[in-house]
Amino acid sequence: MSIAPDGSSAGFSVTGNNWVWSRPWKVDVVAAHDAPMAGGRFTGSLTFEGVTVDWTVNITQGTPGAFGGYVSSVPGGGGARVRFVDPDLNAAAAGFKDKDIITSVDGQPVTSVPSLNGILAGKRAGTTVPVGITRNGTQMTLQYTIDE
């Protein structure tokens, strides 16, 4: 299923046959990780094999992401330094360690704690993203499933 970014149209594709239609048709979906955090609703009609029915698509609002630990800003816009990682959260499972410097999330530069928080808040918790870090002077990338 796809929905236009402005919500003006939607479409879907299915395979198979022997469909039994009920009216109205309702679809509940969890939005993709890059969909607007607010979620949304699309209503209209759907025509499939010559039969038109009313339909509603409800997009679940996302839970904003957060980092599973404590970070502080690196002076001069150098990123966000990891000070503590909660051992029970996804940040620990991804391999973050004390003193790592987070420099990017999903290709977006991290210059400070506020920039890190802004990037993560714009992504859904549970989404896996690449996170660029510097550890002991070596750059590397961790795959991080964003915490709530």
Foldseek 3Di string as FASTA:
>chain_A
DDAPLVRPDDDDDDDDDPDDDDAPAEAEDEDDFQHFQQWDKHWDWDADPRDIHTYMYTYDHFDFFDAQADWWADPPQQAIFGQTHDCVDQNVVQPDDHGKGWQDKQPHGGRTPVSVSVVRRRGHQQDWIWIWIADPNDIDITTTRTHD
